[in-house]
Amino acid sequence: MRKPRLIVHAVGLALALASRSWPCAAEGLVPAIAIPEHELSPWSMFLAADIVVKAVMISLGFASLVTWTIFIAKTIMLARARRTLQAVLVRIADTRTLAEAHAMAPPGESVLAALIGAALQEIRLSAGYGRDDGIKERAASRFVEIGRAEARAMRQGMAVLATIGATAPFVGLFGTVWGIMNSFIGISKAQTTNLAVVAPGIAEALLATAIGLGAAIPAVIIYNYFSRAIKNYQEQVARASGAAGRLLSRDLDRLRDGVSAHAAE
């Protein structure tokens, strides 16, 4: 009698141990499917992403790098140009002739040096042609061209910022749509809707949108900042143009008075 009881107890113990690793008999004693754990850090999601989504992320990262490069370069360029122009305006504030101002503003130092040089060149080219109004009009035309050229130089890179700010969110959205489409295909192949299986693919796809916004938002902010800064610099250039015009007018009056005095003698 003891032997059958021992056998029954042994079978019961074996079944109890097996139930910890195997489902119940009603489920056909099929081993449980182990769901792999995914590390949902940005870097791991990038590495696990589809090749198209990776290409989108890399392009958006490069666009962000371009944005910050433009920001640093233009900040230095604008600060230097404004500081130099202001210093030259202060130096020539008490000058009476274009020649004196030209000596205090060497060519290439600032846009004001170009304006003064243009005024001197127009006086030289117009010598003997009489009317002062014509010289002033031609000099003013030169001033406008110099101001436009300076504005174009300062606006370099602005189109790139505008393009990144306008298109980066949609590029990121394309990566998200592509990644979610691949996730749905994976769901159909795995024939499961378990969140642990679905979530990693969707998270990888949404990372593309996050990177797109991270590239677009700074680009828009930097574009608006430089638009205001360049407008302020153009106003400073306009003041420099006015200063050069006043010096030109004084020189023309001085030449006219000298000619009149010489004729009276």
C-alpha atoms as a PDB file:
ATOM      1  CA  MET A   1       0.000   0.000   0.000  1.00  0.00           C
ATOM      2  CA  ARG A   2       2.832   2.389   0.728  1.00  0.00           C
ATOM      3  CA  LYS A   3       4.389   1.963  -2.689  1.00  0.00           C
ATOM      4  CA  PRO A   4       1.337   3.117  -4.717  1.00  0.00           C
ATOM      5  CA  ARG A   5       0.927   6.083  -2.335  1.00  0.00           C
ATOM      6  CA  LEU A   6       4.544   7.094  -2.868  1.00  0.00           C
ATOM      7  CA  ILE A   7       4.048   6.901  -6.622  1.00  0.00           C
ATOM      8  CA  VAL A   8       0.938   9.096  -6.411  1.00  0.00           C
ATOM      9  CA  HIS A   9       2.761  11.661  -4.285  1.00  0.00           C
ATOM     10  CA  ALA A  10       5.732  11.693  -6.722  1.00  0.00           C
ATOM     11  CA  VAL A  11       3.448  12.254  -9.726  1.00  0.00           C
ATOM     12  CA  GLY A  12       1.620  15.054  -7.920  1.00  0.00           C
ATOM     13  CA  LEU A  13       4.925  16.776  -7.037  1.00  0.00           C
ATOM     14  CA  ALA A  14       6.119  16.503 -10.630  1.00  0.00           C
ATOM     15  CA  LEU A  15       2.905  18.024 -11.945  1.00  0.00           C
ATOM     16  CA  ALA A  16       3.155  20.866  -9.441  1.00  0.00           C
ATOM     17  CA  LEU A  17       6.703  21.686 -10.533  1.00  0.00           C
ATOM     18  CA  ALA A  18       5.784  21.487 -14.206  1.00  0.00           C
ATOM     19  CA  SER A  19       2.867  23.885 -13.746  1.00  0.00           C
ATOM     20  CA  ARG A  20       5.297  26.701 -12.862  1.00  0.00           C
ATOM     21  CA  SER A  21       6.845  26.639 -16.349  1.00  0.00           C
ATOM     22  CA  TRP A  22       3.970  25.220 -18.419  1.00  0.00           C
ATOM     23  CA  PRO A  23       0.407  26.449 -18.884  1.00  0.00           C
ATOM     24  CA  CYS A  24      -2.489  24.369 -17.663  1.00  0.00           C
ATOM     25  CA  ALA A  25      -3.619  21.268 -19.479  1.00  0.00           C
ATOM     26  CA  ALA A  26      -6.598  23.127 -20.937  1.00  0.00           C
ATOM     27  CA  GLU A  27      -4.152  25.169 -23.014  1.00  0.00           C
ATOM     28  CA  GLY A  28      -2.600  22.037 -24.466  1.00  0.00           C
ATOM     29  CA  LEU A  29       0.570  22.164 -22.341  1.00  0.00           C
ATOM     30  CA  VAL A  30       2.178  24.629 -24.833  1.00  0.00           C
ATOM     31  CA  PRO A  31       5.236  26.465 -23.450  1.00  0.00           C
ATOM     32  CA  ALA A  32       4.646  30.174 -22.722  1.00  0.00           C
ATOM     33  CA  ILE A  33       6.042  32.566 -25.380  1.00  0.00           C
ATOM     34  CA  ALA A  34       8.824  34.719 -23.947  1.00  0.00           C
ATOM     35  CA  ILE A  35       8.419  38.343 -25.024  1.00  0.00           C
ATOM     36  CA  PRO A  36      11.789  40.034 -25.533  1.00  0.00           C
ATOM     37  CA  GLU A  37      12.447  43.162 -23.529  1.00  0.00           C
ATOM     38  CA  HIS A  38      13.282  46.328 -25.506  1.00  0.00           C
ATOM     39  CA  GLU A  39      15.424  49.145 -24.183  1.00  0.00           C
ATOM     40  CA  LEU A  40      13.477  52.277 -25.152  1.00  0.00           C
ATOM     41  CA  SER A  41      16.328  54.790 -25.013  1.00  0.00           C
ATOM     42  CA  PRO A  42      16.695  57.188 -27.980  1.00  0.00           C
ATOM     43  CA  TRP A  43      19.952  55.587 -29.118  1.00  0.00           C
ATOM     44  CA  SER A  44      18.628  52.038 -28.915  1.00  0.00           C
ATOM     45  CA  MET A  45      15.461  53.063 -30.757  1.00  0.00           C
ATOM     46  CA  PHE A  46      17.595  54.644 -33.488  1.00  0.00           C
ATOM     47  CA  LEU A  47      19.668  51.482 -33.859  1.00  0.00           C
ATOM     48  CA  ALA A  48      16.552  49.296 -34.024  1.00  0.00           C
ATOM     49  CA  ALA A  49      14.724  51.537 -36.520  1.00  0.00           C
ATOM     50  CA  ASP A  50      14.095  50.713 -40.169  1.00  0.00           C
ATOM     51  CA  ILE A  51      16.704  51.917 -42.708  1.00  0.00           C
ATOM     52  CA  VAL A  52      14.309  54.549 -44.092  1.00  0.00           C
ATOM     53  CA  VAL A  53      13.543  55.896 -40.618  1.00  0.00           C
ATOM     54  CA  LYS A  54      17.270  55.944 -39.851  1.00  0.00           C
ATOM     55  CA  ALA A  55      17.899  57.976 -43.024  1.00  0.00           C
ATOM     56  CA  VAL A  56      15.193  60.446 -41.977  1.00  0.00           C
ATOM     57  CA  MET A  57      16.690  60.813 -38.486  1.00  0.00           C
ATOM     58  CA  ILE A  58      20.207  61.325 -39.847  1.00  0.00           C
ATOM     59  CA  SER A  59      19.017  63.972 -42.338  1.00  0.00           C
ATOM     60  CA  LEU A  60      17.153  65.813 -39.594  1.00  0.00           C
ATOM     61  CA  GLY A  61      20.200  65.666 -37.337  1.00  0.00           C
ATOM     62  CA  PHE A  62      22.319  67.147 -40.132  1.00  0.00           C
ATOM     63  CA  ALA A  63      19.715  69.892 -40.654  1.00  0.00           C
ATOM     64  CA  SER A  64      19.883  70.734 -36.955  1.00  0.00           C
ATOM     65  CA  LEU A  65      23.689  70.912 -37.170  1.00  0.00           C
ATOM     66  CA  VAL A  66      23.414  73.307 -40.146  1.00  0.00           C
ATOM     67  CA  THR A  67      20.954  75.477 -38.202  1.00  0.00           C
ATOM     68  CA  TRP A  68      23.269  75.936 -35.236  1.00  0.00           C
ATOM     69  CA  THR A  69      26.290  76.490 -37.502  1.00  0.00           C
ATOM     70  CA  ILE A  70      24.453  79.323 -39.274  1.00  0.00           C
ATOM     71  CA  PHE A  71      23.401  80.751 -35.914  1.00  0.00           C
ATOM     72  CA  ILE A  72      26.965  80.899 -34.578  1.00  0.00           C
ATOM     73  CA  ALA A  73      28.469  82.231 -37.840  1.00  0.00           C
ATOM     74  CA  LYS A  74      25.858  84.945 -38.396  1.00  0.00           C
ATOM     75  CA  THR A  75      25.884  86.025 -34.755  1.00  0.00           C
ATOM     76  CA  ILE A  76      29.616  86.668 -34.970  1.00  0.00           C
ATOM     77  CA  MET A  77      29.331  88.354 -38.398  1.00  0.00           C
ATOM     78  CA  LEU A  78      26.476  90.677 -37.402  1.00  0.00           C
ATOM     79  CA  ALA A  79      28.044  91.630 -34.073  1.00  0.00           C
ATOM     80  CA  ARG A  80      31.349  92.460 -35.752  1.00  0.00           C
ATOM     81  CA  ALA A  81      29.719  94.473 -38.549  1.00  0.00           C
ATOM     82  CA  ARG A  82      27.543  96.511 -36.174  1.00  0.00           C
ATOM     83  CA  ARG A  83      30.402  97.190 -33.775  1.00  0.00           C
ATOM     84  CA  THR A  84      32.778  98.255 -36.566  1.00  0.00           C
ATOM     85  CA  LEU A  85      30.208 100.486 -38.278  1.00  0.00           C
ATOM     86  CA  GLN A  86      29.306 102.191 -35.011  1.00  0.00           C
ATOM     87  CA  ALA A  87      32.976 102.837 -34.249  1.00  0.00           C
ATOM     88  CA  VAL A  88      33.556 104.399 -37.691  1.00  0.00           C
ATOM     89  CA  LEU A  89      30.436 106.579 -37.344  1.00  0.00           C
ATOM     90  CA  VAL A  90      31.782 107.915 -34.055  1.00  0.00           C
ATOM     91  CA  ARG A  91      35.214 108.599 -35.616  1.00  0.00           C
ATOM     92  CA  ILE A  92      33.878 110.616 -38.550  1.00  0.00           C
ATOM     93  CA  ALA A  93      31.240 112.505 -36.551  1.00  0.00           C
ATOM     94  CA  ASP A  94      33.389 115.681 -36.448  1.00  0.00           C
ATOM     95  CA  THR A  95      34.965 115.455 -39.901  1.00  0.00           C
ATOM     96  CA  ARG A  96      34.193 118.192 -42.411  1.00  0.00           C
ATOM     97  CA  THR A  97      35.222 116.643 -45.732  1.00  0.00           C
ATOM     98  CA  LEU A  98      35.031 113.315 -47.487  1.00  0.00           C
ATOM     99  CA  ALA A  99      38.833 113.201 -47.647  1.00  0.00           C
ATOM    100  CA  GLU A 100      39.105 113.453 -43.856  1.00  0.00           C
ATOM    101  CA  ALA A 101      36.442 110.799 -43.384  1.00  0.00           C
ATOM    102  CA  HIS A 102      38.162 108.543 -45.929  1.00  0.00           C
ATOM    103  CA  ALA A 103      41.394 108.793 -43.948  1.00  0.00           C
ATOM    104  CA  MET A 104      39.573 107.741 -40.769  1.00  0.00           C
ATOM    105  CA  ALA A 105      37.684 104.894 -42.462  1.00  0.00           C
ATOM    106  CA  PRO A 106      40.161 102.757 -44.439  1.00  0.00           C
ATOM    107  CA  PRO A 107      38.689 100.746 -47.344  1.00  0.00           C
ATOM    108  CA  GLY A 108      37.322  97.372 -46.318  1.00  0.00           C
ATOM    109  CA  GLU A 109      36.901  98.276 -42.655  1.00  0.00           C
ATOM    110  CA  SER A 110      33.132  98.786 -42.843  1.00  0.00           C
ATOM    111  CA  VAL A 111      30.299  99.569 -45.233  1.00  0.00           C
ATOM    112  CA  LEU A 112      30.763 103.270 -44.436  1.00  0.00           C
ATOM    113  CA  ALA A 113      34.206 103.177 -46.029  1.00  0.00           C
ATOM    114  CA  ALA A 114      32.579 101.873 -49.225  1.00  0.00           C
ATOM    115  CA  LEU A 115      29.979 104.676 -49.112  1.00  0.00           C
ATOM    116  CA  ILE A 116      32.632 107.364 -48.685  1.00  0.00           C
ATOM    117  CA  GLY A 117      34.743 105.840 -51.463  1.00  0.00           C
ATOM    118  CA  ALA A 118      31.714 105.817 -53.786  1.00  0.00           C
ATOM    119  CA  ALA A 119      31.037 109.499 -53.068  1.00  0.00           C
ATOM    120  CA  LEU A 120      34.675 110.466 -53.782  1.00  0.00           C
ATOM    121  CA  GLN A 121      34.648 108.442 -57.003  1.00  0.00           C
ATOM    122  CA  GLU A 122      31.444 110.122 -58.178  1.00  0.00           C
ATOM    123  CA  ILE A 123      32.934 113.592 -57.560  1.00  0.00           C
ATOM    124  CA  ARG A 124      36.019 112.622 -59.545  1.00  0.00           C
ATOM    125  CA  LEU A 125      34.053 111.136 -62.437  1.00  0.00           C
ATOM    126  CA  SER A 126      31.633 114.076 -62.560  1.00  0.00           C
ATOM    127  CA  ALA A 127      34.298 116.795 -62.524  1.00  0.00           C
ATOM    128  CA  GLY A 128      33.494 119.502 -65.065  1.00  0.00           C
ATOM    129  CA  TYR A 129      29.873 118.432 -65.584  1.00  0.00           C
ATOM    130  CA  GLY A 130      28.401 121.317 -63.637  1.00  0.00           C
ATOM    131  CA  ARG A 131      25.237 120.620 -61.635  1.00  0.00           C
ATOM    132  CA  ASP A 132      25.514 119.464 -58.043  1.00  0.00           C
ATOM    133  CA  ASP A 133      22.065 117.868 -58.083  1.00  0.00           C
ATOM    134  CA  GLY A 134      23.168 115.375 -60.709  1.00  0.00           C
ATOM    135  CA  ILE A 135      26.200 114.374 -58.649  1.00  0.00           C
ATOM    136  CA  LYS A 136      24.042 113.880 -55.557  1.00  0.00           C
ATOM    137  CA  GLU A 137      21.555 111.741 -57.484  1.00  0.00           C
ATOM    138  CA  ARG A 138      24.259 109.520 -58.916  1.00  0.00           C
ATOM    139  CA  ALA A 139      25.946 109.215 -55.519  1.00  0.00           C
ATOM    140  CA  ALA A 140      22.597 108.329 -53.924  1.00  0.00           C
ATOM    141  CA  SER A 141      22.144 105.602 -56.541  1.00  0.00           C
ATOM    142  CA  ARG A 142      25.548 104.199 -55.607  1.00  0.00           C
ATOM    143  CA  PHE A 143      24.597 104.321 -51.925  1.00  0.00           C
ATOM    144  CA  VAL A 144      21.422 102.317 -52.594  1.00  0.00           C
ATOM    145  CA  GLU A 145      23.393  99.649 -54.486  1.00  0.00           C
ATOM    146  CA  ILE A 146      25.948  99.375 -51.666  1.00  0.00           C
ATOM    147  CA  GLY A 147      23.176  99.102 -49.076  1.00  0.00           C
ATOM    148  CA  ARG A 148      21.438  96.340 -51.043  1.00  0.00           C
ATOM    149  CA  ALA A 149      24.681  94.427 -51.472  1.00  0.00           C
ATOM    150  CA  GLU A 150      25.322  94.655 -47.723  1.00  0.00           C
ATOM    151  CA  ALA A 151      21.791  93.416 -46.983  1.00  0.00           C
ATOM    152  CA  ARG A 152      22.245  90.461 -49.345  1.00  0.00           C
ATOM    153  CA  ALA A 153      25.510  89.552 -47.633  1.00  0.00           C
ATOM    154  CA  MET A 154      23.857  89.663 -44.219  1.00  0.00           C
ATOM    155  CA  ARG A 155      20.905  87.558 -45.370  1.00  0.00           C
ATOM    156  CA  GLN A 156      23.050  84.671 -46.562  1.00  0.00           C
ATOM    157  CA  GLY A 157      21.849  81.477 -44.932  1.00  0.00           C
ATOM    158  CA  MET A 158      18.391  82.823 -44.118  1.00  0.00           C
ATOM    159  CA  ALA A 159      16.799  80.801 -46.932  1.00  0.00           C
ATOM    160  CA  VAL A 160      18.328  77.632 -45.472  1.00  0.00           C
ATOM    161  CA  LEU A 161      16.837  78.409 -42.052  1.00  0.00           C
ATOM    162  CA  ALA A 162      13.426  79.049 -43.606  1.00  0.00           C
ATOM    163  CA  THR A 163      13.579  75.778 -45.539  1.00  0.00           C
ATOM    164  CA  ILE A 164      14.542  73.749 -42.467  1.00  0.00           C
ATOM    165  CA  GLY A 165      11.868  75.389 -40.339  1.00  0.00           C
ATOM    166  CA  ALA A 166       9.166  74.732 -42.932  1.00  0.00           C
ATOM    167  CA  THR A 167      10.042  71.185 -44.014  1.00  0.00           C
ATOM    168  CA  ALA A 168      11.658  69.449 -41.014  1.00  0.00           C
ATOM    169  CA  PRO A 169       8.335  68.602 -39.273  1.00  0.00           C
ATOM    170  CA  PHE A 170       6.989  66.999 -42.451  1.00  0.00           C
ATOM    171  CA  VAL A 171      10.194  65.027 -43.011  1.00  0.00           C
ATOM    172  CA  GLY A 172       9.924  63.732 -39.452  1.00  0.00           C
ATOM    173  CA  LEU A 173       6.243  62.915 -40.029  1.00  0.00           C
ATOM    174  CA  PHE A 174       7.197  60.912 -43.114  1.00  0.00           C
ATOM    175  CA  GLY A 175       9.591  58.862 -40.975  1.00  0.00           C
ATOM    176  CA  THR A 176       6.846  58.326 -38.401  1.00  0.00           C
ATOM    177  CA  VAL A 177       4.316  57.166 -40.996  1.00  0.00           C
ATOM    178  CA  TRP A 178       6.853  54.788 -42.496  1.00  0.00           C
ATOM    179  CA  GLY A 179       7.782  53.373 -39.078  1.00  0.00           C
ATOM    180  CA  ILE A 180       4.162  52.850 -38.000  1.00  0.00           C
ATOM    181  CA  MET A 181       3.421  51.149 -41.312  1.00  0.00           C
ATOM    182  CA  ASN A 182       6.274  48.720 -40.650  1.00  0.00           C
ATOM    183  CA  SER A 183       4.966  48.182 -37.096  1.00  0.00           C
ATOM    184  CA  PHE A 184       1.551  47.187 -38.436  1.00  0.00           C
ATOM    185  CA  ILE A 185       3.193  44.790 -40.870  1.00  0.00           C
ATOM    186  CA  GLY A 186       5.128  43.267 -37.947  1.00  0.00           C
ATOM    187  CA  ILE A 187       1.894  42.925 -35.955  1.00  0.00           C
ATOM    188  CA  SER A 188       0.243  41.028 -38.803  1.00  0.00           C
ATOM    189  CA  LYS A 189       3.222  38.687 -39.092  1.00  0.00           C
ATOM    190  CA  ALA A 190       3.460  38.064 -35.334  1.00  0.00           C
ATOM    191  CA  GLN A 191      -0.336  37.650 -35.094  1.00  0.00           C
ATOM    192  CA  THR A 192      -0.406  39.345 -31.715  1.00  0.00           C
ATOM    193  CA  THR A 193      -1.531  42.707 -30.399  1.00  0.00           C
ATOM    194  CA  ASN A 194       0.493  42.487 -27.200  1.00  0.00           C
ATOM    195  CA  LEU A 195       1.572  46.015 -26.235  1.00  0.00           C
ATOM    196  CA  ALA A 196       5.081  44.811 -25.412  1.00  0.00           C
ATOM    197  CA  VAL A 197       5.451  43.721 -29.039  1.00  0.00           C
ATOM    198  CA  VAL A 198       3.752  46.759 -30.644  1.00  0.00           C
ATOM    199  CA  ALA A 199       5.122  49.605 -28.499  1.00  0.00           C
ATOM    200  CA  PRO A 200       8.836  49.519 -29.489  1.00  0.00           C
ATOM    201  CA  GLY A 201       8.149  49.930 -33.220  1.00  0.00           C
ATOM    202  CA  ILE A 202       5.704  52.780 -32.659  1.00  0.00           C
ATOM    203  CA  ALA A 203       8.132  54.493 -30.259  1.00  0.00           C
ATOM    204  CA  GLU A 204      10.901  54.287 -32.872  1.00  0.00           C
ATOM    205  CA  ALA A 205       8.558  55.854 -35.421  1.00  0.00           C
ATOM    206  CA  LEU A 206       7.515  58.699 -33.112  1.00  0.00           C
ATOM    207  CA  LEU A 207      11.183  59.465 -32.422  1.00  0.00           C
ATOM    208  CA  ALA A 208      11.465  60.694 -36.029  1.00  0.00           C
ATOM    209  CA  THR A 209       8.739  63.287 -35.417  1.00  0.00           C
ATOM    210  CA  ALA A 210      10.428  64.402 -32.200  1.00  0.00           C
ATOM    211  CA  ILE A 211      13.738  64.923 -34.022  1.00  0.00           C
ATOM    212  CA  GLY A 212      11.926  66.798 -36.800  1.00  0.00           C
ATOM    213  CA  LEU A 213      10.387  69.196 -34.302  1.00  0.00           C
ATOM    214  CA  GLY A 214      13.755  69.529 -32.569  1.00  0.00           C
ATOM    215  CA  ALA A 215      15.254  70.678 -35.875  1.00  0.00           C
ATOM    216  CA  ALA A 216      12.366  72.915 -36.988  1.00  0.00           C
ATOM    217  CA  ILE A 217      11.611  74.883 -33.816  1.00  0.00           C
ATOM    218  CA  PRO A 218      15.150  76.321 -33.331  1.00  0.00           C
ATOM    219  CA  ALA A 219      15.346  77.107 -37.069  1.00  0.00           C
ATOM    220  CA  VAL A 220      12.150  79.186 -36.928  1.00  0.00           C
ATOM    221  CA  ILE A 221      13.229  81.007 -33.754  1.00  0.00           C
ATOM    222  CA  ILE A 222      16.700  81.754 -35.160  1.00  0.00           C
ATOM    223  CA  TYR A 223      15.203  82.927 -38.476  1.00  0.00           C
ATOM    224  CA  ASN A 224      12.932  85.423 -36.698  1.00  0.00           C
ATOM    225  CA  TYR A 225      15.799  86.613 -34.503  1.00  0.00           C
ATOM    226  CA  PHE A 226      18.082  87.296 -37.464  1.00  0.00           C
ATOM    227  CA  SER A 227      15.268  88.987 -39.401  1.00  0.00           C
ATOM    228  CA  ARG A 228      14.984  91.579 -36.632  1.00  0.00           C
ATOM    229  CA  ALA A 229      18.766  91.864 -36.200  1.00  0.00           C
ATOM    230  CA  ILE A 230      19.344  92.396 -39.937  1.00  0.00           C
ATOM    231  CA  LYS A 231      16.593  95.017 -40.052  1.00  0.00           C
ATOM    232  CA  ASN A 232      18.300  96.917 -37.224  1.00  0.00           C
ATOM    233  CA  TYR A 233      21.625  96.668 -39.049  1.00  0.00           C
ATOM    234  CA  GLN A 234      20.047  98.018 -42.241  1.00  0.00           C
ATOM    235  CA  GLU A 235      18.827 101.038 -40.281  1.00  0.00           C
ATOM    236  CA  GLN A 236      22.397 101.551 -39.097  1.00  0.00           C
ATOM    237  CA  VAL A 237      23.608 101.340 -42.718  1.00  0.00           C
ATOM    238  CA  ALA A 238      20.984 103.937 -43.658  1.00  0.00           C
ATOM    239  CA  ARG A 239      22.416 106.285 -41.009  1.00  0.00           C
ATOM    240  CA  ALA A 240      25.880 105.712 -42.455  1.00  0.00           C
ATOM    241  CA  SER A 241      24.528 106.508 -45.931  1.00  0.00           C
ATOM    242  CA  GLY A 242      23.064 109.736 -44.593  1.00  0.00           C
ATOM    243  CA  ALA A 243      26.406 110.680 -43.016  1.00  0.00           C
ATOM    244  CA  ALA A 244      28.230 110.092 -46.307  1.00  0.00           C
ATOM    245  CA  GLY A 245      25.577 112.123 -48.153  1.00  0.00           C
ATOM    246  CA  ARG A 246      26.016 115.082 -45.815  1.00  0.00           C
ATOM    247  CA  LEU A 247      29.785 115.024 -46.289  1.00  0.00           C
ATOM    248  CA  LEU A 248      29.269 114.933 -50.053  1.00  0.00           C
ATOM    249  CA  SER A 249      26.916 117.923 -49.880  1.00  0.00           C
ATOM    250  CA  ARG A 250      29.454 119.919 -47.840  1.00  0.00           C
ATOM    251  CA  ASP A 251      32.224 119.148 -50.328  1.00  0.00           C
ATOM    252  CA  LEU A 252      30.052 120.201 -53.262  1.00  0.00           C
ATOM    253  CA  ASP A 253      29.111 123.453 -51.522  1.00  0.00           C
ATOM    254  CA  ARG A 254      32.764 124.091 -50.772  1.00  0.00           C
ATOM    255  CA  LEU A 255      33.742 123.445 -54.401  1.00  0.00           C
ATOM    256  CA  ARG A 256      30.961 125.690 -55.673  1.00  0.00           C
ATOM    257  CA  ASP A 257      31.956 128.516 -53.316  1.00  0.00           C
ATOM    258  CA  GLY A 258      35.572 128.145 -54.361  1.00  0.00           C
ATOM    259  CA  VAL A 259      34.658 128.321 -58.049  1.00  0.00           C
ATOM    260  CA  SER A 260      32.442 131.369 -57.413  1.00  0.00           C
ATOM    261  CA  ALA A 261      35.218 133.146 -55.517  1.00  0.00           C
ATOM    262  CA  HIS A 262      37.711 132.367 -58.240  1.00  0.00           C
ATOM    263  CA  ALA A 263      35.327 133.691 -60.891  1.00  0.00           C
ATOM    264  CA  ALA A 264      34.762 136.897 -58.912  1.00  0.00           C
ATOM    265  CA  GLU A 265      38.482 137.570 -58.854  1.00  0.00           C
END
